[in-house]
Amino acid sequence: MPTTRRSQHTALHGSSLVTRNLRLGRGRTSIRLEQLEWAALDAICNAEGVDRHHFAMQVDRDPQRREKTLTSRVRSAILAYFVARSGLIVLQPGNGLMAGLSPAQTPAEREESRN
């Protein structure tokens, strides 16, 4: 099981950041994520039948990812995974539209489609 380390900062300020080690093709590294992000990552790994190390290695090697750090790439991949499955459409900055989330259907349309 991966090692969990909490800094003195955590004890003093109540941060929920947790540091864990991951094995990638290039060796071992550690990343700090919020407890909720680790739980979300574990849920993805369970659903996809992979472990954290494999997920992080795939994210790290993804040429579409432009984030500078592995931690940022993992966070973005977690968010992208859940957004893709939520039915929400993410409006990308720079395409002339306001950035944000907009529902694929209005609540009334969703309710109508259920009936």
PDB file of N, CA and C in Angstrom:
ATOM      1  N   MET A   1       0.849  -1.185   0.000  1.00  0.00           N
ATOM      2  CA  MET A   1       0.000   0.000   0.000  1.00  0.00           C
ATOM      3  C   MET A   1       0.890   1.242   0.000  1.00  0.00           C
ATOM      4  N   PRO A   2       0.532   2.284  -0.745  1.00  0.00           N
ATOM      5  CA  PRO A   2       1.349   3.487  -0.819  1.00  0.00           C
ATOM      6  C   PRO A   2       1.489   4.167   0.543  1.00  0.00           C
ATOM      7  N   THR A   3       2.622   4.786   0.756  1.00  0.00           N
ATOM      8  CA  THR A   3       2.888   5.514   1.989  1.00  0.00           C
ATOM      9  C   THR A   3       2.132   6.829   1.972  1.00  0.00           C
ATOM     10  N   THR A   4       1.517   7.165   3.085  1.00  0.00           N
ATOM     11  CA  THR A   4       0.834   8.435   3.239  1.00  0.00           C
ATOM     12  C   THR A   4       1.621   9.279   4.225  1.00  0.00           C
ATOM     13  N   ARG A   5       1.980  10.489   3.803  1.00  0.00           N
ATOM     14  CA  ARG A   5       2.740  11.390   4.649  1.00  0.00           C
ATOM     15  C   ARG A   5       1.959  12.668   4.837  1.00  0.00           C
ATOM     16  N   ARG A   6       1.924  13.144   6.050  1.00  0.00           N
ATOM     17  CA  ARG A   6       1.307  14.435   6.320  1.00  0.00           C
ATOM     18  C   ARG A   6       2.377  15.358   6.893  1.00  0.00           C
ATOM     19  N   SER A   7       2.444  16.559   6.390  1.00  0.00           N
ATOM     20  CA  SER A   7       3.464  17.494   6.848  1.00  0.00           C
ATOM     21  C   SER A   7       3.044  18.134   8.161  1.00  0.00           C
ATOM     22  N   GLN A   8       3.988  18.859   8.797  1.00  0.00           N
ATOM     23  CA  GLN A   8       3.661  19.605   9.999  1.00  0.00           C
ATOM     24  C   GLN A   8       2.621  20.656   9.682  1.00  0.00           C
ATOM     25  N   HIS A   9       2.671  21.191   8.477  1.00  0.00           N
ATOM     26  CA  HIS A   9       1.695  22.184   8.045  1.00  0.00           C
ATOM     27  C   HIS A   9       0.281  21.615   8.182  1.00  0.00           C
ATOM     28  N   THR A  10       0.107  20.348   7.839  1.00  0.00           N
ATOM     29  CA  THR A  10      -1.198  19.710   7.925  1.00  0.00           C
ATOM     30  C   THR A  10      -1.692  19.705   9.359  1.00  0.00           C
ATOM     31  N   ALA A  11      -0.812  19.328  10.276  1.00  0.00           N
ATOM     32  CA  ALA A  11      -1.207  19.261  11.675  1.00  0.00           C
ATOM     33  C   ALA A  11      -1.556  20.643  12.217  1.00  0.00           C
ATOM     34  N   LEU A  12      -0.842  21.676  11.776  1.00  0.00           N
ATOM     35  CA  LEU A  12      -1.066  23.015  12.298  1.00  0.00           C
ATOM     36  C   LEU A  12      -2.237  23.731  11.641  1.00  0.00           C
ATOM     37  N   HIS A  13      -2.446  23.502  10.358  1.00  0.00           N
ATOM     38  CA  HIS A  13      -3.426  24.280   9.610  1.00  0.00           C
ATOM     39  C   HIS A  13      -4.599  23.473   9.075  1.00  0.00           C
ATOM     40  N   GLY A  14      -4.633  22.179   9.316  1.00  0.00           N
ATOM     41  CA  GLY A  14      -5.776  21.369   8.925  1.00  0.00           C
ATOM     42  C   GLY A  14      -5.892  21.104   7.437  1.00  0.00           C
ATOM     43  N   SER A  15      -4.801  21.189   6.699  1.00  0.00           N
ATOM     44  CA  SER A  15      -4.846  20.913   5.269  1.00  0.00           C
ATOM     45  C   SER A  15      -5.245  19.467   5.034  1.00  0.00           C
ATOM     46  N   SER A  16      -5.988  19.245   3.982  1.00  0.00           N
ATOM     47  CA  SER A  16      -6.380  17.874   3.665  1.00  0.00           C
ATOM     48  C   SER A  16      -5.506  17.290   2.555  1.00  0.00           C
ATOM     49  N   LEU A  17      -4.395  17.955   2.226  1.00  0.00           N
ATOM     50  CA  LEU A  17      -3.475  17.421   1.224  1.00  0.00           C
ATOM     51  C   LEU A  17      -2.762  16.195   1.770  1.00  0.00           C
ATOM     52  N   VAL A  18      -2.684  15.172   0.924  1.00  0.00           N
ATOM     53  CA  VAL A  18      -2.021  13.929   1.299  1.00  0.00           C
ATOM     54  C   VAL A  18      -0.981  13.618   0.229  1.00  0.00           C
ATOM     55  N   THR A  19       0.227  13.286   0.647  1.00  0.00           N
ATOM     56  CA  THR A  19       1.308  12.935  -0.269  1.00  0.00           C
ATOM     57  C   THR A  19       1.413  11.420  -0.360  1.00  0.00           C
ATOM     58  N   ARG A  20       1.455  10.909  -1.582  1.00  0.00           N
ATOM     59  CA  ARG A  20       1.620   9.468  -1.797  1.00  0.00           C
ATOM     60  C   ARG A  20       2.629   9.249  -2.917  1.00  0.00           C
ATOM     61  N   ASN A  21       3.295   8.109  -2.852  1.00  0.00           N
ATOM     62  CA  ASN A  21       4.267   7.733  -3.875  1.00  0.00           C
ATOM     63  C   ASN A  21       3.585   6.986  -5.011  1.00  0.00           C
ATOM     64  N   LEU A  22       4.060   7.238  -6.217  1.00  0.00           N
ATOM     65  CA  LEU A  22       3.592   6.529  -7.407  1.00  0.00           C
ATOM     66  C   LEU A  22       4.806   6.020  -8.167  1.00  0.00           C
ATOM     67  N   ARG A  23       4.672   4.846  -8.751  1.00  0.00           N
ATOM     68  CA  ARG A  23       5.730   4.283  -9.600  1.00  0.00           C
ATOM     69  C   ARG A  23       5.357   4.543 -11.051  1.00  0.00           C
ATOM     70  N   LEU A  24       6.236   5.227 -11.747  1.00  0.00           N
ATOM     71  CA  LEU A  24       6.051   5.477 -13.168  1.00  0.00           C
ATOM     72  C   LEU A  24       7.167   4.751 -13.908  1.00  0.00           C
ATOM     73  N   GLY A  25       7.103   4.735 -15.218  1.00  0.00           N
ATOM     74  CA  GLY A  25       8.129   4.082 -16.010  1.00  0.00           C
ATOM     75  C   GLY A  25       9.520   4.629 -15.733  1.00  0.00           C
ATOM     76  N   ARG A  26       9.606   5.900 -15.371  1.00  0.00           N
ATOM     77  CA  ARG A  26      10.902   6.540 -15.130  1.00  0.00           C
ATOM     78  C   ARG A  26      11.352   6.413 -13.674  1.00  0.00           C
ATOM     79  N   GLY A  27      10.563   5.771 -12.835  1.00  0.00           N
ATOM     80  CA  GLY A  27      10.923   5.603 -11.427  1.00  0.00           C
ATOM     81  C   GLY A  27       9.792   6.007 -10.509  1.00  0.00           C
ATOM     82  N   ARG A  28      10.150   6.255  -9.269  1.00  0.00           N
ATOM     83  CA  ARG A  28       9.159   6.601  -8.261  1.00  0.00           C
ATOM     84  C   ARG A  28       9.105   8.111  -8.078  1.00  0.00           C
ATOM     85  N   THR A  29       7.900   8.620  -7.863  1.00  0.00           N
ATOM     86  CA  THR A  29       7.708  10.039  -7.600  1.00  0.00           C
ATOM     87  C   THR A  29       6.566  10.176  -6.598  1.00  0.00           C
ATOM     88  N   SER A  30       6.413  11.337  -6.021  1.00  0.00           N
ATOM     89  CA  SER A  30       5.283  11.552  -5.127  1.00  0.00           C
ATOM     90  C   SER A  30       4.474  12.751  -5.581  1.00  0.00           C
ATOM     91  N   ILE A  31       3.192  12.687  -5.309  1.00  0.00           N
ATOM     92  CA  ILE A  31       2.296  13.801  -5.621  1.00  0.00           C
ATOM     93  C   ILE A  31       1.424  14.069  -4.404  1.00  0.00           C
ATOM     94  N   ARG A  32       0.956  15.295  -4.310  1.00  0.00           N
ATOM     95  CA  ARG A  32       0.066  15.707  -3.219  1.00  0.00           C
ATOM     96  C   ARG A  32      -1.290  16.033  -3.813  1.00  0.00           C
ATOM     97  N   LEU A  33      -2.295  15.345  -3.318  1.00  0.00           N
ATOM     98  CA  LEU A  33      -3.668  15.598  -3.729  1.00  0.00           C
ATOM     99  C   LEU A  33      -4.534  15.756  -2.488  1.00  0.00           C
ATOM    100  N   GLU A  34      -5.671  16.383  -2.669  1.00  0.00           N
ATOM    101  CA  GLU A  34      -6.661  16.444  -1.597  1.00  0.00           C
ATOM    102  C   GLU A  34      -7.199  15.042  -1.337  1.00  0.00           C
ATOM    103  N   GLN A  35      -7.672  14.802  -0.137  1.00  0.00           N
ATOM    104  CA  GLN A  35      -8.235  13.494   0.204  1.00  0.00           C
ATOM    105  C   GLN A  35      -9.351  13.113  -0.772  1.00  0.00           C
ATOM    106  N   LEU A  36     -10.186  14.064  -1.131  1.00  0.00           N
ATOM    107  CA  LEU A  36     -11.265  13.805  -2.081  1.00  0.00           C
ATOM    108  C   LEU A  36     -10.716  13.400  -3.446  1.00  0.00           C
ATOM    109  N   GLU A  37      -9.620  14.022  -3.872  1.00  0.00           N
ATOM    110  CA  GLU A  37      -9.011  13.667  -5.155  1.00  0.00           C
ATOM    111  C   GLU A  37      -8.457  12.243  -5.129  1.00  0.00           C
ATOM    112  N   TRP A  38      -7.833  11.841  -4.005  1.00  0.00           N
ATOM    113  CA  TRP A  38      -7.352  10.460  -3.891  1.00  0.00           C
ATOM    114  C   TRP A  38      -8.528   9.485  -3.946  1.00  0.00           C
ATOM    115  N   ALA A  39      -9.635   9.833  -3.269  1.00  0.00           N
ATOM    116  CA  ALA A  39     -10.821   8.969  -3.285  1.00  0.00           C
ATOM    117  C   ALA A  39     -11.389   8.871  -4.697  1.00  0.00           C
ATOM    118  N   ALA A  40     -11.422   9.996  -5.413  1.00  0.00           N
ATOM    119  CA  ALA A  40     -11.917   9.997  -6.797  1.00  0.00           C
ATOM    120  C   ALA A  40     -10.996   9.165  -7.690  1.00  0.00           C
ATOM    121  N   LEU A  41      -9.685   9.298  -7.503  1.00  0.00           N
ATOM    122  CA  LEU A  41      -8.729   8.510  -8.274  1.00  0.00           C
ATOM    123  C   LEU A  41      -8.931   7.018  -8.013  1.00  0.00           C
ATOM    124  N   ASP A  42      -9.121   6.652  -6.756  1.00  0.00           N
ATOM    125  CA  ASP A  42      -9.355   5.243  -6.421  1.00  0.00           C
ATOM    126  C   ASP A  42     -10.651   4.733  -7.055  1.00  0.00           C
ATOM    127  N   ALA A  43     -11.689   5.567  -7.088  1.00  0.00           N
ATOM    128  CA  ALA A  43     -12.951   5.170  -7.726  1.00  0.00           C
ATOM    129  C   ALA A  43     -12.748   4.932  -9.220  1.00  0.00           C
ATOM    130  N   ILE A  44     -11.999   5.799  -9.873  1.00  0.00           N
ATOM    131  CA  ILE A  44     -11.702   5.629 -11.298  1.00  0.00           C
ATOM    132  C   ILE A  44     -10.928   4.329 -11.512  1.00  0.00           C
ATOM    133  N   CYS A  45      -9.903   4.123 -10.701  1.00  0.00           N
ATOM    134  CA  CYS A  45      -9.081   2.922 -10.845  1.00  0.00           C
ATOM    135  C   CYS A  45      -9.909   1.656 -10.642  1.00  0.00           C
ATOM    136  N   ASN A  46     -10.798   1.657  -9.666  1.00  0.00           N
ATOM    137  CA  ASN A  46     -11.681   0.499  -9.456  1.00  0.00           C
ATOM    138  C   ASN A  46     -12.589   0.281 -10.654  1.00  0.00           C
ATOM    139  N   ALA A  47     -13.165   1.351 -11.176  1.00  0.00           N
ATOM    140  CA  ALA A  47     -14.080   1.238 -12.317  1.00  0.00           C
ATOM    141  C   ALA A  47     -13.362   0.769 -13.575  1.00  0.00           C
ATOM    142  N   GLU A  48     -12.119   1.198 -13.749  1.00  0.00           N
ATOM    143  CA  GLU A  48     -11.370   0.883 -14.964  1.00  0.00           C
ATOM    144  C   GLU A  48     -10.477  -0.349 -14.828  1.00  0.00           C
ATOM    145  N   GLY A  49     -10.391  -0.904 -13.623  1.00  0.00           N
ATOM    146  CA  GLY A  49      -9.581  -2.105 -13.415  1.00  0.00           C
ATOM    147  C   GLY A  49      -8.079  -1.879 -13.514  1.00  0.00           C
ATOM    148  N   VAL A  50      -7.625  -0.702 -13.079  1.00  0.00           N
ATOM    149  CA  VAL A  50      -6.197  -0.389 -13.082  1.00  0.00           C
ATOM    150  C   VAL A  50      -5.801   0.085 -11.687  1.00  0.00           C
ATOM    151  N   ASP A  51      -4.495   0.173 -11.433  1.00  0.00           N
ATOM    152  CA  ASP A  51      -4.056   0.735 -10.160  1.00  0.00           C
ATOM    153  C   ASP A  51      -3.622   2.188 -10.361  1.00  0.00           C
ATOM    154  N   ARG A  52      -3.363   2.871  -9.258  1.00  0.00           N
ATOM    155  CA  ARG A  52      -2.960   4.286  -9.309  1.00  0.00           C
ATOM    156  C   ARG A  52      -1.727   4.498 -10.167  1.00  0.00           C
ATOM    157  N   HIS A  53      -0.792   3.579 -10.067  1.00  0.00           N
ATOM    158  CA  HIS A  53       0.468   3.724 -10.782  1.00  0.00           C
ATOM    159  C   HIS A  53       0.240   3.695 -12.299  1.00  0.00           C
ATOM    160  N   HIS A  54      -0.586   2.754 -12.746  1.00  0.00           N
ATOM    161  CA  HIS A  54      -0.891   2.644 -14.178  1.00  0.00           C
ATOM    162  C   HIS A  54      -1.633   3.890 -14.654  1.00  0.00           C
ATOM    163  N   PHE A  55      -2.627   4.337 -13.876  1.00  0.00           N
ATOM    164  CA  PHE A  55      -3.384   5.536 -14.236  1.00  0.00           C
ATOM    165  C   PHE A  55      -2.439   6.730 -14.387  1.00  0.00           C
ATOM    166  N   ALA A  56      -1.577   6.942 -13.398  1.00  0.00           N
ATOM    167  CA  ALA A  56      -0.657   8.082 -13.434  1.00  0.00           C
ATOM    168  C   ALA A  56       0.321   7.976 -14.598  1.00  0.00           C
ATOM    169  N   MET A  57       0.774   6.761 -14.890  1.00  0.00           N
ATOM    170  CA  MET A  57       1.705   6.575 -16.004  1.00  0.00           C
ATOM    171  C   MET A  57       1.014   6.907 -17.332  1.00  0.00           C
ATOM    172  N   GLN A  58      -0.246   6.473 -17.494  1.00  0.00           N
ATOM    173  CA  GLN A  58      -0.993   6.782 -18.720  1.00  0.00           C
ATOM    174  C   GLN A  58      -1.203   8.289 -18.858  1.00  0.00           C
ATOM    175  N   VAL A  59      -1.568   8.936 -17.765  1.00  0.00           N
ATOM    176  CA  VAL A  59      -1.782  10.385 -17.778  1.00  0.00           C
ATOM    177  C   VAL A  59      -0.474  11.100 -18.103  1.00  0.00           C
ATOM    178  N   ASP A  60       0.617  10.637 -17.505  1.00  0.00           N
ATOM    179  CA  ASP A  60       1.917  11.266 -17.716  1.00  0.00           C
ATOM    180  C   ASP A  60       2.364  11.158 -19.175  1.00  0.00           C
ATOM    181  N   ARG A  61       2.014  10.070 -19.826  1.00  0.00           N
ATOM    182  CA  ARG A  61       2.425   9.843 -21.224  1.00  0.00           C
ATOM    183  C   ARG A  61       1.460  10.410 -22.259  1.00  0.00           C
ATOM    184  N   ASP A  62       0.304  10.899 -21.817  1.00  0.00           N
ATOM    185  CA  ASP A  62      -0.726  11.389 -22.740  1.00  0.00           C
ATOM    186  C   ASP A  62      -0.247  12.671 -23.425  1.00  0.00           C
ATOM    187  N   PRO A  63      -0.038  12.640 -24.752  1.00  0.00           N
ATOM    188  CA  PRO A  63       0.460  13.824 -25.452  1.00  0.00           C
ATOM    189  C   PRO A  63      -0.550  14.971 -25.495  1.00  0.00           C
ATOM    190  N   GLN A  64      -1.819  14.698 -25.210  1.00  0.00           N
ATOM    191  CA  GLN A  64      -2.851  15.745 -25.205  1.00  0.00           C
ATOM    192  C   GLN A  64      -2.784  16.617 -23.950  1.00  0.00           C
ATOM    193  N   ARG A  65      -2.178  16.110 -22.907  1.00  0.00           N
ATOM    194  CA  ARG A  65      -2.097  16.829 -21.636  1.00  0.00           C
ATOM    195  C   ARG A  65      -1.030  17.909 -21.723  1.00  0.00           C
ATOM    196  N   ARG A  66      -1.407  19.131 -21.386  1.00  0.00           N
ATOM    197  CA  ARG A  66      -0.482  20.265 -21.476  1.00  0.00           C
ATOM    198  C   ARG A  66      -0.073  20.795 -20.099  1.00  0.00           C
ATOM    199  N   GLU A  67      -0.581  20.215 -19.021  1.00  0.00           N
ATOM    200  CA  GLU A  67      -0.238  20.697 -17.695  1.00  0.00           C
ATOM    201  C   GLU A  67       1.246  20.454 -17.433  1.00  0.00           C
ATOM    202  N   LYS A  68       1.861  21.338 -16.668  1.00  0.00           N
ATOM    203  CA  LYS A  68       3.317  21.283 -16.482  1.00  0.00           C
ATOM    204  C   LYS A  68       3.762  20.220 -15.496  1.00  0.00           C
ATOM    205  N   THR A  69       2.974  19.925 -14.485  1.00  0.00           N
ATOM    206  CA  THR A  69       3.403  18.966 -13.467  1.00  0.00           C
ATOM    207  C   THR A  69       2.534  17.718 -13.507  1.00  0.00           C
ATOM    208  N   LEU A  70       3.077  16.621 -13.014  1.00  0.00           N
ATOM    209  CA  LEU A  70       2.313  15.379 -12.940  1.00  0.00           C
ATOM    210  C   LEU A  70       1.083  15.558 -12.055  1.00  0.00           C
ATOM    211  N   THR A  71       1.246  16.266 -10.949  1.00  0.00           N
ATOM    212  CA  THR A  71       0.104  16.496 -10.060  1.00  0.00           C
ATOM    213  C   THR A  71      -1.025  17.202 -10.807  1.00  0.00           C
ATOM    214  N   SER A  72      -0.699  18.225 -11.561  1.00  0.00           N
ATOM    215  CA  SER A  72      -1.717  18.948 -12.334  1.00  0.00           C
ATOM    216  C   SER A  72      -2.349  18.053 -13.399  1.00  0.00           C
ATOM    217  N   ARG A  73      -1.533  17.238 -14.053  1.00  0.00           N
ATOM    218  CA  ARG A  73      -2.067  16.329 -15.078  1.00  0.00           C
ATOM    219  C   ARG A  73      -3.016  15.314 -14.456  1.00  0.00           C
ATOM    220  N   VAL A  74      -2.665  14.780 -13.283  1.00  0.00           N
ATOM    221  CA  VAL A  74      -3.540  13.807 -12.611  1.00  0.00           C
ATOM    222  C   VAL A  74      -4.838  14.480 -12.181  1.00  0.00           C
ATOM    223  N   ARG A  75      -4.746  15.668 -11.600  1.00  0.00           N
ATOM    224  CA  ARG A  75      -5.967  16.393 -11.188  1.00  0.00           C
ATOM    225  C   ARG A  75      -6.884  16.640 -12.382  1.00  0.00           C
ATOM    226  N   SER A  76      -6.309  17.107 -13.474  1.00  0.00           N
ATOM    227  CA  SER A  76      -7.107  17.381 -14.673  1.00  0.00           C
ATOM    228  C   SER A  76      -7.730  16.105 -15.233  1.00  0.00           C
ATOM    229  N   ALA A  77      -6.991  15.018 -15.208  1.00  0.00           N
ATOM    230  CA  ALA A  77      -7.509  13.742 -15.716  1.00  0.00           C
ATOM    231  C   ALA A  77      -8.671  13.245 -14.863  1.00  0.00           C
ATOM    232  N   ILE A  78      -8.561  13.407 -13.544  1.00  0.00           N
ATOM    233  CA  ILE A  78      -9.656  13.021 -12.650  1.00  0.00           C
ATOM    234  C   ILE A  78     -10.894  13.841 -12.978  1.00  0.00           C
ATOM    235  N   LEU A  79     -10.723  15.146 -13.079  1.00  0.00           N
ATOM    236  CA  LEU A  79     -11.856  16.024 -13.393  1.00  0.00           C
ATOM    237  C   LEU A  79     -12.454  15.686 -14.757  1.00  0.00           C
ATOM    238  N   ALA A  80     -11.603  15.501 -15.752  1.00  0.00           N
ATOM    239  CA  ALA A  80     -12.081  15.175 -17.101  1.00  0.00           C
ATOM    240  C   ALA A  80     -12.866  13.871 -17.117  1.00  0.00           C
ATOM    241  N   TYR A  81     -12.407  12.890 -16.352  1.00  0.00           N
ATOM    242  CA  TYR A  81     -13.093  11.588 -16.285  1.00  0.00           C
ATOM    243  C   TYR A  81     -14.534  11.774 -15.803  1.00  0.00           C
ATOM    244  N   PHE A  82     -14.699  12.508 -14.700  1.00  0.00           N
ATOM    245  CA  PHE A  82     -16.039  12.671 -14.136  1.00  0.00           C
ATOM    246  C   PHE A  82     -16.908  13.624 -14.960  1.00  0.00           C
ATOM    247  N   VAL A  83     -16.313  14.655 -15.539  1.00  0.00           N
ATOM    248  CA  VAL A  83     -17.085  15.559 -16.402  1.00  0.00           C
ATOM    249  C   VAL A  83     -17.606  14.793 -17.615  1.00  0.00           C
ATOM    250  N   ALA A  84     -16.755  13.947 -18.203  1.00  0.00           N
ATOM    251  CA  ALA A  84     -17.160  13.187 -19.390  1.00  0.00           C
ATOM    252  C   ALA A  84     -18.337  12.262 -19.083  1.00  0.00           C
ATOM    253  N   ARG A  85     -18.425  11.777 -17.854  1.00  0.00           N
ATOM    254  CA  ARG A  85     -19.496  10.849 -17.494  1.00  0.00           C
ATOM    255  C   ARG A  85     -20.708  11.533 -16.880  1.00  0.00           C
ATOM    256  N   SER A  86     -20.638  12.839 -16.694  1.00  0.00           N
ATOM    257  CA  SER A  86     -21.707  13.561 -16.008  1.00  0.00           C
ATOM    258  C   SER A  86     -22.814  14.054 -16.928  1.00  0.00           C
ATOM    259  N   GLY A  87     -22.552  14.101 -18.219  1.00  0.00           N
ATOM    260  CA  GLY A  87     -23.528  14.681 -19.129  1.00  0.00           C
ATOM    261  C   GLY A  87     -23.393  16.190 -19.248  1.00  0.00           C
ATOM    262  N   LEU A  88     -22.373  16.753 -18.613  1.00  0.00           N
ATOM    263  CA  LEU A  88     -22.126  18.188 -18.725  1.00  0.00           C
ATOM    264  C   LEU A  88     -21.196  18.452 -19.891  1.00  0.00           C
ATOM    265  N   ILE A  89     -21.316  19.638 -20.446  1.00  0.00           N
ATOM    266  CA  ILE A  89     -20.441  20.060 -21.537  1.00  0.00           C
ATOM    267  C   ILE A  89     -19.532  21.148 -20.981  1.00  0.00           C
ATOM    268  N   VAL A  90     -18.246  21.000 -21.161  1.00  0.00           N
ATOM    269  CA  VAL A  90     -17.291  22.008 -20.700  1.00  0.00           C
ATOM    270  C   VAL A  90     -17.011  22.940 -21.860  1.00  0.00           C
ATOM    271  N   LEU A  91     -17.246  24.218 -21.639  1.00  0.00           N
ATOM    272  CA  LEU A  91     -16.959  25.221 -22.656  1.00  0.00           C
ATOM    273  C   LEU A  91     -15.512  25.646 -22.481  1.00  0.00           C
ATOM    274  N   GLN A  92     -14.711  25.457 -23.502  1.00  0.00           N
ATOM    275  CA  GLN A  92     -13.277  25.732 -23.425  1.00  0.00           C
ATOM    276  C   GLN A  92     -12.994  27.222 -23.556  1.00  0.00           C
ATOM    277  N   PRO A  93     -12.096  27.754 -22.731  1.00  0.00           N
ATOM    278  CA  PRO A  93     -11.693  29.159 -22.890  1.00  0.00           C
ATOM    279  C   PRO A  93     -11.038  29.376 -24.253  1.00  0.00           C
ATOM    280  N   GLY A  94     -11.222  30.545 -24.806  1.00  0.00           N
ATOM    281  CA  GLY A  94     -10.562  30.880 -26.053  1.00  0.00           C
ATOM    282  C   GLY A  94     -11.354  30.519 -27.299  1.00  0.00           C
ATOM    283  N   ASN A  95     -12.550  29.940 -27.145  1.00  0.00           N
ATOM    284  CA  ASN A  95     -13.322  29.595 -28.329  1.00  0.00           C
ATOM    285  C   ASN A  95     -14.474  30.573 -28.545  1.00  0.00           C
ATOM    286  N   GLY A  96     -14.365  31.753 -27.895  1.00  0.00           N
ATOM    287  CA  GLY A  96     -15.392  32.763 -28.073  1.00  0.00           C
ATOM    288  C   GLY A  96     -16.557  32.605 -27.114  1.00  0.00           C
ATOM    289  N   LEU A  97     -16.579  31.532 -26.331  1.00  0.00           N
ATOM    290  CA  LEU A  97     -17.642  31.315 -25.364  1.00  0.00           C
ATOM    291  C   LEU A  97     -17.096  31.521 -23.961  1.00  0.00           C
ATOM    292  N   MET A  98     -17.967  31.857 -23.042  1.00  0.00           N
ATOM    293  CA  MET A  98     -17.533  32.002 -21.666  1.00  0.00           C
ATOM    294  C   MET A  98     -17.146  30.628 -21.113  1.00  0.00           C
ATOM    295  N   ALA A  99     -16.030  30.571 -20.428  1.00  0.00           N
ATOM    296  CA  ALA A  99     -15.595  29.291 -19.852  1.00  0.00           C
ATOM    297  C   ALA A  99     -16.524  28.906 -18.719  1.00  0.00           C
ATOM    298  N   GLY A 100     -16.766  27.623 -18.578  1.00  0.00           N
ATOM    299  CA  GLY A 100     -17.590  27.131 -17.491  1.00  0.00           C
ATOM    300  C   GLY A 100     -18.248  25.828 -17.856  1.00  0.00           C
ATOM    301  N   LEU A 101     -19.183  25.429 -17.042  1.00  0.00           N
ATOM    302  CA  LEU A 101     -19.932  24.209 -17.288  1.00  0.00           C
ATOM    303  C   LEU A 101     -21.351  24.576 -17.673  1.00  0.00           C
ATOM    304  N   SER A 102     -21.876  23.905 -18.651  1.00  0.00           N
ATOM    305  CA  SER A 102     -23.283  24.097 -18.976  1.00  0.00           C
ATOM    306  C   SER A 102     -23.905  22.722 -19.129  1.00  0.00           C
ATOM    307  N   PRO A 103     -25.123  22.545 -18.664  1.00  0.00           N
ATOM    308  CA  PRO A 103     -25.739  21.221 -18.755  1.00  0.00           C
ATOM    309  C   PRO A 103     -26.034  20.849 -20.193  1.00  0.00           C
ATOM    310  N   ALA A 104     -25.913  19.565 -20.492  1.00  0.00           N
ATOM    311  CA  ALA A 104     -26.237  19.070 -21.820  1.00  0.00           C
ATOM    312  C   ALA A 104     -27.730  19.228 -22.078  1.00  0.00           C
ATOM    313  N   GLN A 105     -28.530  19.091 -21.028  1.00  0.00           N
ATOM    314  CA  GLN A 105     -29.970  19.293 -21.111  1.00  0.00           C
ATOM    315  C   GLN A 105     -30.379  20.161 -19.927  1.00  0.00           C
ATOM    316  N   THR A 106     -31.467  20.890 -20.094  1.00  0.00           N
ATOM    317  CA  THR A 106     -31.991  21.641 -18.958  1.00  0.00           C
ATOM    318  C   THR A 106     -32.643  20.644 -17.997  1.00  0.00           C
ATOM    319  N   PRO A 107     -32.830  21.016 -16.732  1.00  0.00           N
ATOM    320  CA  PRO A 107     -33.502  20.114 -15.796  1.00  0.00           C
ATOM    321  C   PRO A 107     -34.879  19.677 -16.291  1.00  0.00           C
ATOM    322  N   ALA A 108     -35.624  20.584 -16.927  1.00  0.00           N
ATOM    323  CA  ALA A 108     -36.950  20.233 -17.451  1.00  0.00           C
ATOM    324  C   ALA A 108     -36.826  19.195 -18.573  1.00  0.00           C
ATOM    325  N   GLU A 109     -35.821  19.359 -19.442  1.00  0.00           N
ATOM    326  CA  GLU A 109     -35.607  18.398 -20.518  1.00  0.00           C
ATOM    327  C   GLU A 109     -35.222  17.029 -19.965  1.00  0.00           C
ATOM    328  N   ARG A 110     -34.402  17.021 -18.918  1.00  0.00           N
ATOM    329  CA  ARG A 110     -34.027  15.746 -18.302  1.00  0.00           C
ATOM    330  C   ARG A 110     -35.243  15.073 -17.690  1.00  0.00           C
ATOM    331  N   GLU A 111     -36.076  15.838 -17.013  1.00  0.00           N
ATOM    332  CA  GLU A 111     -37.282  15.281 -16.373  1.00  0.00           C
ATOM    333  C   GLU A 111     -38.235  14.748 -17.440  1.00  0.00           C
ATOM    334  N   GLU A 112     -38.370  15.482 -18.526  1.00  0.00           N
ATOM    335  CA  GLU A 112     -39.261  15.048 -19.619  1.00  0.00           C
ATOM    336  C   GLU A 112     -38.754  13.762 -20.248  1.00  0.00           C
ATOM    337  N   SER A 113     -37.440  13.624 -20.402  1.00  0.00           N
ATOM    338  CA  SER A 113     -36.892  12.426 -21.028  1.00  0.00           C
ATOM    339  C   SER A 113     -37.011  11.210 -20.124  1.00  0.00           C
ATOM    340  N   ARG A 114     -37.159  11.413 -18.819  1.00  0.00           N
ATOM    341  CA  ARG A 114     -37.345  10.293 -17.884  1.00  0.00           C
ATOM    342  C   ARG A 114     -38.762   9.731 -17.962  1.00  0.00           C
ATOM    343  N   ASN A 115     -39.705  10.558 -18.348  1.00  0.00           N
ATOM    344  CA  ASN A 115     -41.121  10.117 -18.395  1.00  0.00           C
ATOM    345  C   ASN A 115     -41.474   9.428 -19.665  1.00  0.00           C
TER     346      ASN A 115
END
